[in-house]
């Protein structure tokens, strides 16, 4: 588990595009376009084996009747041509500066879907598939070989991102998500089992991240090989997404969880 550069900004994807936020364990250049997936023949399972949808996306709020001379609403673009309209929609919510700083716009919807699906696993998403650039500054540890710990100064690396997440109107971001949901579902169907529903996976991943421990004391580390690992086997056995949240520090972890709860309520149409 490399700890030199994390991507807690993926959490912004769980909070910022309602598909929203986390996972990045290696430095790499950002902005590498994703290859177009090769269509593969898919055998549909029997109807009784197709999973039920647990969390259908809520119906978008109806827009007022357009005036007679108003232009009709733009139809959804094809998935392969969605980067520009998605970027524009997010910029309207987050601001141009935030989008330019925190997001990699190429193949954005596919990147978000891949990263969210990877968060509960033990390995982080490959760098070339991540929708956000790497975290700045160098990872730090304190102490000696007898008692080596995560340096709390690392927490400050994530403060600008967490402040942006706290200031984000998650429900406005969810409105963007709902508008483009058919494209998220299309990207999900490229990698998921037949019949799988992306919003179900999103809620499942949010629930998993909400179970992340909030470490009051900087955790002890060991270095059995090149990279640092948690000395506590229970912590080391956590998923890539939970480890990343833990490394952000307890205050940041709590702040992210607050927004994740709002996000969860919004993407299933519950008040809160």
Protein backbone atom coordinates (compact mmCIF):
# COMPACT_ATOMS: atom_id res chain seq x y z
CA UNK A 1 0.00 0.00 0.00
CA UNK A 2 1.96 3.01 -1.19
CA UNK A 3 1.35 6.06 0.94
CA UNK A 4 3.36 8.66 -0.95
CA UNK A 5 0.45 10.13 -2.88
CA UNK A 6 -3.18 9.52 -2.17
CA UNK A 7 -6.24 10.72 -3.93
CA UNK A 8 -8.72 11.77 -1.37
CA UNK A 9 -10.02 13.98 -4.06
CA UNK A 10 -11.82 11.03 -5.40
CA UNK A 11 -14.05 11.65 -2.49
CA UNK A 12 -15.06 14.76 -4.28
CA UNK A 13 -16.50 12.49 -6.91
CA UNK A 14 -18.71 10.94 -4.32
CA UNK A 15 -19.57 14.43 -3.16
CA UNK A 16 -19.15 16.45 -6.22
CA UNK A 17 -20.73 14.67 -9.07
CA UNK A 18 -23.08 12.62 -7.16
CA UNK A 19 -21.27 9.79 -8.44
CA UNK A 20 -18.94 11.46 -6.51
CA UNK A 21 -15.36 10.99 -4.46
CA UNK A 22 -11.38 8.69 -3.69
CA UNK A 23 -8.41 6.27 -4.76
CA UNK A 24 -4.93 6.90 -5.98
CA UNK A 25 -1.85 5.29 -4.61
CA UNK A 26 0.76 6.06 -7.28
CA UNK A 27 2.09 9.25 -8.87
CA UNK A 28 1.37 9.52 -12.56
CA UNK A 29 0.59 12.17 -15.16
CA UNK A 30 -3.07 13.08 -15.32
CA UNK A 31 -5.22 13.51 -18.36
CA UNK A 32 -4.46 10.30 -20.26
CA UNK A 33 -7.55 9.51 -22.38
CA UNK A 34 -9.22 6.19 -21.80
CA UNK A 35 -9.25 3.76 -24.70
CA UNK A 36 -12.64 3.04 -26.16
CA UNK A 37 -13.76 -0.28 -24.70
CA UNK A 38 -14.02 -3.19 -27.11
CA UNK A 39 -17.60 -4.42 -27.19
CA UNK A 40 -17.77 -7.99 -25.98
CA UNK A 41 -20.60 -10.43 -26.56
CA UNK A 42 -22.76 -10.63 -23.47
CA UNK A 43 -25.03 -13.52 -22.63
CA UNK A 44 -28.05 -12.27 -20.73
CA UNK A 45 -28.86 -14.22 -17.59
CA UNK A 46 -32.28 -15.79 -17.11
CA UNK A 47 -34.89 -13.23 -16.10
CA UNK A 48 -35.14 -14.65 -12.58
CA UNK A 49 -31.38 -14.12 -12.05
CA UNK A 50 -31.31 -10.43 -13.02
CA UNK A 51 -30.88 -8.48 -9.75
CA UNK A 52 -33.66 -6.18 -8.61
CA UNK A 53 -32.95 -2.46 -8.53
CA UNK A 54 -32.67 -1.47 -4.86
CA UNK A 55 -32.12 2.28 -5.17
CA UNK A 56 -33.72 3.68 -8.33
CA UNK A 57 -32.60 7.22 -9.05
CA UNK A 58 -35.28 9.76 -8.11
CA UNK A 59 -37.24 11.41 -10.85
CA UNK A 60 -35.75 14.81 -11.72
CA UNK A 61 -37.79 17.78 -10.56
CA UNK A 62 -40.00 18.81 -13.51
CA UNK A 63 -38.89 22.03 -15.12
CA UNK A 64 -41.46 24.77 -15.66
CA UNK A 65 -43.22 24.84 -19.00
CA UNK A 66 -40.97 26.61 -21.51
CA UNK A 67 -42.16 29.79 -23.11
CA UNK A 68 -43.36 29.55 -26.67
CA UNK A 69 -40.19 31.03 -28.15
CA UNK A 70 -37.78 29.19 -25.81
CA UNK A 71 -35.29 26.74 -27.29
CA UNK A 72 -35.97 23.05 -26.50
CA UNK A 73 -33.77 21.35 -23.89
CA UNK A 74 -30.57 19.85 -25.21
CA UNK A 75 -30.73 16.06 -25.61
CA UNK A 76 -28.11 13.96 -23.86
CA UNK A 77 -24.94 13.54 -25.91
CA UNK A 78 -23.48 10.11 -26.66
CA UNK A 79 -21.20 8.86 -23.87
CA UNK A 80 -18.11 9.33 -26.04
CA UNK A 81 -19.03 13.01 -26.56
CA UNK A 82 -20.14 13.84 -23.01
CA UNK A 83 -16.98 15.44 -21.58
CA UNK A 84 -17.70 19.01 -22.65
CA UNK A 85 -21.34 19.20 -21.48
CA UNK A 86 -20.53 17.42 -18.18
CA UNK A 87 -17.63 19.80 -17.55
CA UNK A 88 -19.87 22.79 -18.27
CA UNK A 89 -22.59 21.47 -15.95
CA UNK A 90 -20.10 20.91 -13.11
CA UNK A 91 -18.51 24.31 -13.67
CA UNK A 92 -21.93 25.89 -13.20
CA UNK A 93 -22.10 24.28 -9.74
CA UNK A 94 -18.47 24.31 -8.59
CA UNK A 95 -16.97 27.16 -10.60
CA UNK A 96 -14.52 27.06 -13.48
CA UNK A 97 -11.47 27.34 -11.22
CA UNK A 98 -12.44 24.34 -9.09
CA UNK A 99 -13.16 22.17 -12.12
CA UNK A 100 -9.86 23.13 -13.75
CA UNK A 101 -7.93 22.41 -10.55
CA UNK A 102 -9.53 19.20 -9.34
CA UNK A 103 -10.89 17.27 -12.31
CA UNK A 104 -9.46 15.50 -15.36
CA UNK A 105 -12.19 16.02 -17.95
CA UNK A 106 -11.23 13.36 -20.51
CA UNK A 107 -13.59 10.36 -20.41
CA UNK A 108 -14.84 11.72 -17.11
CA UNK A 109 -17.98 9.63 -16.66
CA UNK A 110 -16.15 6.37 -17.38
CA UNK A 111 -13.36 7.33 -14.97
CA UNK A 112 -15.83 8.12 -12.18
CA UNK A 113 -17.66 4.82 -12.64
CA UNK A 114 -14.42 2.81 -12.61
CA UNK A 115 -13.01 4.52 -9.53
CA UNK A 116 -16.22 4.26 -7.51
CA UNK A 117 -16.43 0.56 -8.29
CA UNK A 118 -12.82 0.10 -7.14
CA UNK A 119 -13.11 1.86 -3.75
CA UNK A 120 -14.28 -1.14 -1.66
CA UNK A 121 -11.47 -3.27 -3.07
CA UNK A 122 -7.95 -3.72 -1.78
CA UNK A 123 -6.19 -2.08 -4.71
CA UNK A 124 -6.53 1.49 -5.94
CA UNK A 125 -7.55 2.36 -9.46
CA UNK A 126 -4.72 2.48 -11.98
CA UNK A 127 -3.36 6.05 -12.27
CA UNK A 128 -4.22 6.47 -15.95
CA UNK A 129 -7.90 5.81 -15.19
CA UNK A 130 -8.34 8.31 -12.35
CA UNK A 131 -10.51 11.40 -12.90
CA UNK A 132 -8.38 13.65 -10.67
CA UNK A 133 -4.71 14.67 -10.47
CA UNK A 134 -2.47 13.39 -7.65
CA UNK A 135 -2.38 14.96 -4.19
CA UNK A 136 0.37 17.60 -3.85
CA UNK A 137 3.32 17.53 -1.43
CA UNK A 138 5.28 14.66 0.07
CA UNK A 139 3.94 12.01 2.42
CA UNK A 140 5.52 12.29 5.90
CA UNK A 141 6.09 9.97 8.83
CA UNK A 142 7.35 10.66 12.36
CA UNK A 143 9.31 8.65 14.91
CA UNK A 144 11.93 5.96 14.49
CA UNK A 145 11.89 2.29 13.52
CA UNK A 146 10.58 1.37 16.96
CA UNK A 147 7.56 3.69 16.79
CA UNK A 148 6.94 5.09 13.32
CA UNK A 149 3.64 6.90 12.81
CA UNK A 150 1.70 8.87 10.28
CA UNK A 151 2.70 12.52 10.62
CA UNK A 152 -0.39 14.68 11.35
CA UNK A 153 1.12 17.35 9.09
CA UNK A 154 -0.08 15.18 6.21
CA UNK A 155 -3.66 16.10 7.01
CA UNK A 156 -3.09 19.63 5.74
CA UNK A 157 -2.50 18.28 2.24
CA UNK A 158 -6.21 17.60 2.00
CA UNK A 159 -7.57 20.77 3.60
CA UNK A 160 -8.25 22.69 0.33
CA UNK A 161 -10.15 19.74 -1.10
CA UNK A 162 -12.15 19.13 2.06
CA UNK A 163 -13.09 22.81 2.25
CA UNK A 164 -14.37 22.63 -1.31
CA UNK A 165 -16.39 19.51 -0.50
CA UNK A 166 -17.86 21.14 2.62
CA UNK A 167 -18.84 24.22 0.62
CA UNK A 168 -20.39 22.22 -2.21
CA UNK A 169 -24.16 22.15 -2.54
CA UNK A 170 -24.38 18.38 -2.95
CA UNK A 171 -28.00 18.51 -4.11
CA UNK A 172 -27.09 20.76 -7.04
CA UNK A 173 -24.42 18.25 -7.97
CA UNK A 174 -26.96 15.46 -7.71
CA UNK A 175 -29.12 17.36 -10.20
CA UNK A 176 -26.20 17.08 -12.64
CA UNK A 177 -25.90 13.38 -11.85
CA UNK A 178 -29.60 12.78 -12.48
CA UNK A 179 -29.50 14.62 -15.79
CA UNK A 180 -26.59 12.51 -17.02
CA UNK A 181 -27.57 9.30 -15.23
CA UNK A 182 -28.27 7.32 -18.44
CA UNK A 183 -24.62 7.86 -19.42
CA UNK A 184 -23.37 6.70 -16.00
CA UNK A 185 -25.51 3.61 -16.41
CA UNK A 186 -24.15 3.05 -19.91
CA UNK A 187 -20.56 3.29 -18.66
CA UNK A 188 -21.40 0.94 -15.78
CA UNK A 189 -22.84 -1.65 -18.15
CA UNK A 190 -19.48 -1.78 -19.94
CA UNK A 191 -17.80 -3.25 -16.84
CA UNK A 192 -20.60 -4.62 -14.63
CA UNK A 193 -22.52 -7.92 -14.67
CA UNK A 194 -25.67 -7.96 -16.80
CA UNK A 195 -28.60 -6.28 -15.11
CA UNK A 196 -26.45 -4.31 -12.62
CA UNK A 197 -27.62 -0.80 -11.73
CA UNK A 198 -25.04 1.92 -11.14
CA UNK A 199 -26.98 3.87 -8.51
CA UNK A 200 -27.16 0.69 -6.42
CA UNK A 201 -23.39 0.39 -6.60
CA UNK A 202 -22.94 4.05 -5.69
CA UNK A 203 -25.09 3.71 -2.56
CA UNK A 204 -23.28 0.50 -1.63
CA UNK A 205 -19.90 2.26 -1.91
CA UNK A 206 -21.10 5.26 0.12
CA UNK A 207 -22.29 2.91 2.88
CA UNK A 208 -18.90 1.19 2.82
CA UNK A 209 -17.03 4.49 3.17
CA UNK A 210 -19.29 5.57 6.04
CA UNK A 211 -17.95 2.59 8.00
CA UNK A 212 -14.41 4.02 7.93
CA UNK A 213 -12.87 4.34 11.44
CA UNK A 214 -12.06 7.85 12.66
CA UNK A 215 -8.56 7.51 14.12
CA UNK A 216 -8.12 9.84 17.09
CA UNK A 217 -4.39 9.01 17.30
CA UNK A 218 -2.05 8.94 14.28
CA UNK A 219 -1.70 5.26 13.37
CA UNK A 220 1.52 3.28 13.74
CA UNK A 221 3.25 2.31 10.50
CA UNK A 222 5.65 -0.40 9.39
CA UNK A 223 7.76 -0.63 6.25
CA UNK A 224 8.19 -4.30 5.35
CA UNK A 225 9.07 -3.44 1.75
CA UNK A 226 9.18 -0.23 -0.25
CA UNK A 227 5.90 1.23 0.94
CA UNK A 228 4.54 1.94 4.40
CA UNK A 229 1.71 -0.15 5.79
CA UNK A 230 -0.48 0.14 8.87
CA UNK A 231 1.03 -1.77 11.77
CA UNK A 232 -2.44 -2.79 12.96
CA UNK A 233 -3.53 -5.75 10.78
CA UNK A 234 -7.17 -4.72 11.15
CA UNK A 235 -6.44 -1.30 9.63
CA UNK A 236 -4.16 -2.76 6.98
CA UNK A 237 -6.94 -5.15 6.00
CA UNK A 238 -9.32 -2.28 5.23
CA UNK A 239 -10.23 -1.36 1.66
CA UNK A 240 -8.33 1.15 -0.46
CA UNK A 241 -11.13 3.69 -0.05
CA UNK A 242 -11.28 3.41 3.73
CA UNK A 243 -7.49 3.61 4.06
CA UNK A 244 -7.48 6.81 2.07
CA UNK A 245 -10.14 8.36 4.29
CA UNK A 246 -8.24 7.34 7.42
CA UNK A 247 -5.07 9.01 6.16
CA UNK A 248 -6.84 12.33 5.79
CA UNK A 249 -7.16 12.71 9.57
CA UNK A 250 -10.22 12.37 11.82
CA UNK A 251 -11.57 15.89 11.27
CA UNK A 252 -11.43 15.55 7.49
CA UNK A 253 -12.89 12.05 7.67
CA UNK A 254 -15.88 13.34 9.64
CA UNK A 255 -16.39 16.24 7.22
CA UNK A 256 -16.37 13.90 4.22
CA UNK A 257 -18.80 11.53 5.94
CA UNK A 258 -21.24 14.38 6.59
CA UNK A 259 -21.37 15.17 2.89
CA UNK A 260 -21.56 11.51 1.94
CA UNK A 261 -24.69 11.17 4.09
CA UNK A 262 -26.26 14.12 2.28
CA UNK A 263 -25.24 12.58 -1.02
CA UNK A 264 -26.73 9.23 -0.12
CA UNK A 265 -30.06 10.79 0.78
CA UNK A 266 -30.14 12.82 -2.42
CA UNK A 267 -29.34 10.01 -4.86
CA UNK A 268 -32.16 7.84 -3.45
CA UNK A 269 -34.66 10.70 -3.23
CA UNK A 270 -34.89 10.96 0.55
CA UNK A 271 -35.05 14.26 2.45
CA UNK A 272 -32.10 15.07 4.64
